[in-house]
């Protein structure tokens, strides 16, 4: 679902922005295009948050969130002056992705990371 949603929004981002906001926001399609790629990481992040909560690994969840927040601030500091609002979108995309996959740094949540990597491999999908 996340991959399909990402592709639909990415392919149609310029049209979506033009339809919703008109010609005045014509340049905002690129922001939506960049930001649409964060959907996949966000979906995986929500799923892993549920896992971390169930396994009572709330400290891992906290650290993962802090990693993403600090990285976003640092990237915004460097990217916004060079690339403007597109830099902010790239910073968000990178920080969401790093935050989601940062569970590999914590021993107790490493097994979940293996499952995340399997989510990218279609051979692990079993037909019903």
Protein backbone atom coordinates (compact mmCIF):
# COMPACT_ATOMS: atom_id res chain seq x y z
CA UNK A 1 0.00 0.00 0.00
CA UNK A 2 2.77 2.43 0.92
CA UNK A 3 4.70 1.75 -2.27
CA UNK A 4 1.60 2.19 -4.42
CA UNK A 5 0.67 5.41 -2.64
CA UNK A 6 4.22 6.71 -3.00
CA UNK A 7 4.26 6.04 -6.72
CA UNK A 8 0.82 7.56 -7.35
CA UNK A 9 1.64 10.74 -5.47
CA UNK A 10 5.16 11.05 -6.91
CA UNK A 11 3.99 10.62 -10.50
CA UNK A 12 1.08 13.04 -10.06
CA UNK A 13 2.64 15.51 -7.60
CA UNK A 14 2.74 18.51 -9.94
CA UNK A 15 -0.81 17.89 -11.13
CA UNK A 16 -2.10 17.38 -7.56
CA UNK A 17 -0.63 20.68 -6.39
CA UNK A 18 -1.95 22.54 -9.41
CA UNK A 19 -5.41 21.04 -8.93
CA UNK A 20 -5.54 21.78 -5.20
CA UNK A 21 -3.86 25.20 -5.08
CA UNK A 22 -3.85 26.57 -8.62
CA UNK A 23 -1.20 28.42 -10.57
CA UNK A 24 -0.06 30.47 -7.56
CA UNK A 25 1.66 27.38 -6.11
CA UNK A 26 2.96 26.00 -9.38
CA UNK A 27 6.48 25.37 -8.01
CA UNK A 28 5.25 23.36 -5.03
CA UNK A 29 4.89 20.16 -7.04
CA UNK A 30 8.59 19.42 -6.54
CA UNK A 31 8.17 19.61 -2.77
CA UNK A 32 5.35 17.07 -2.87
CA UNK A 33 7.36 14.90 -5.25
CA UNK A 34 10.34 14.80 -2.86
CA UNK A 35 8.20 14.43 0.23
CA UNK A 36 6.12 11.62 -1.28
CA UNK A 37 9.08 9.27 -0.97
CA UNK A 38 8.89 9.59 2.81
CA UNK A 39 5.56 7.73 2.78
CA UNK A 40 7.27 4.33 2.65
CA UNK A 41 9.56 5.11 5.59
CA UNK A 42 6.64 6.56 7.53
CA UNK A 43 4.54 3.42 7.03
CA UNK A 44 7.44 1.23 8.16
CA UNK A 45 8.10 3.58 11.08
CA UNK A 46 4.52 3.29 12.30
CA UNK A 47 4.69 -0.49 12.07
CA UNK A 48 7.96 -0.65 13.98
CA UNK A 49 6.59 1.74 16.60
CA UNK A 50 3.82 -0.77 17.28
CA UNK A 51 6.42 -3.51 17.61
CA UNK A 52 8.56 -1.44 19.98
CA UNK A 53 5.54 -0.64 22.13
CA UNK A 54 4.39 -4.25 22.33
CA UNK A 55 7.91 -5.42 23.19
CA UNK A 56 8.22 -2.64 25.79
CA UNK A 57 11.19 -1.12 24.02
CA UNK A 58 10.04 2.43 24.60
CA UNK A 59 13.60 3.61 25.19
CA UNK A 60 14.50 2.47 21.66
CA UNK A 61 11.47 4.35 20.35
CA UNK A 62 12.59 7.48 22.21
CA UNK A 63 16.16 7.29 20.92
CA UNK A 64 14.96 6.60 17.40
CA UNK A 65 12.77 9.69 17.53
CA UNK A 66 15.64 11.77 18.93
CA UNK A 67 17.97 10.56 16.17
CA UNK A 68 15.46 11.62 13.54
CA UNK A 69 14.79 15.00 15.18
CA UNK A 70 18.45 15.91 15.63
CA UNK A 71 19.30 14.78 12.11
CA UNK A 72 16.41 16.83 10.70
CA UNK A 73 17.60 19.97 12.51
CA UNK A 74 21.19 19.50 11.32
CA UNK A 75 20.17 18.76 7.73
CA UNK A 76 17.79 21.73 7.67
CA UNK A 77 20.61 23.96 8.88
CA UNK A 78 22.74 22.97 5.88
CA UNK A 79 20.17 22.26 3.17
CA UNK A 80 17.68 25.12 3.52
CA UNK A 81 20.24 27.88 2.78
CA UNK A 82 21.39 26.01 -0.35
CA UNK A 83 18.14 24.54 -1.66
CA UNK A 84 15.33 26.41 0.11
CA UNK A 85 12.08 24.56 0.74
CA UNK A 86 13.23 21.64 -1.41
CA UNK A 87 16.15 21.23 0.99
CA UNK A 88 13.69 21.04 3.89
CA UNK A 89 11.76 18.31 2.07
CA UNK A 90 14.97 16.35 1.44
CA UNK A 91 16.00 16.79 5.10
CA UNK A 92 12.65 15.40 6.23
CA UNK A 93 12.87 12.46 3.83
CA UNK A 94 16.37 11.55 5.02
CA UNK A 95 15.60 11.98 8.72
CA UNK A 96 12.39 9.89 8.53
CA UNK A 97 14.27 7.11 6.77
CA UNK A 98 17.23 7.15 9.14
CA UNK A 99 14.93 7.27 12.18
CA UNK A 100 12.95 4.28 10.94
CA UNK A 101 16.02 2.18 10.18
CA UNK A 102 18.02 3.30 13.22
CA UNK A 103 16.59 0.38 15.19
CA UNK A 104 19.52 -1.60 13.81
CA UNK A 105 21.76 0.24 16.29
CA UNK A 106 19.92 -1.27 19.25
CA UNK A 107 20.62 -4.91 20.05
CA UNK A 108 17.12 -5.70 21.33
CA UNK A 109 15.40 -4.44 18.16
CA UNK A 110 17.80 -5.80 15.54
CA UNK A 111 15.49 -8.74 14.76
CA UNK A 112 12.82 -6.28 13.66
CA UNK A 113 15.32 -4.75 11.27
CA UNK A 114 15.69 -8.09 9.51
CA UNK A 115 11.92 -8.13 9.02
CA UNK A 116 12.06 -4.60 7.58
CA UNK A 117 14.64 -5.68 5.02
CA UNK A 118 12.48 -8.67 4.12
CA UNK A 119 9.64 -6.22 3.41
CA UNK A 120 11.70 -4.93 0.47
CA UNK A 121 12.12 -8.41 -1.00
CA UNK A 122 9.08 -9.64 -2.96
CA UNK A 123 10.21 -13.27 -2.72
CA UNK A 124 9.16 -13.23 0.95
CA UNK A 125 5.56 -12.47 0.07
CA UNK A 126 3.47 -15.61 0.33
CA UNK A 127 0.27 -16.03 -1.60
CA UNK A 128 -2.86 -16.67 0.40
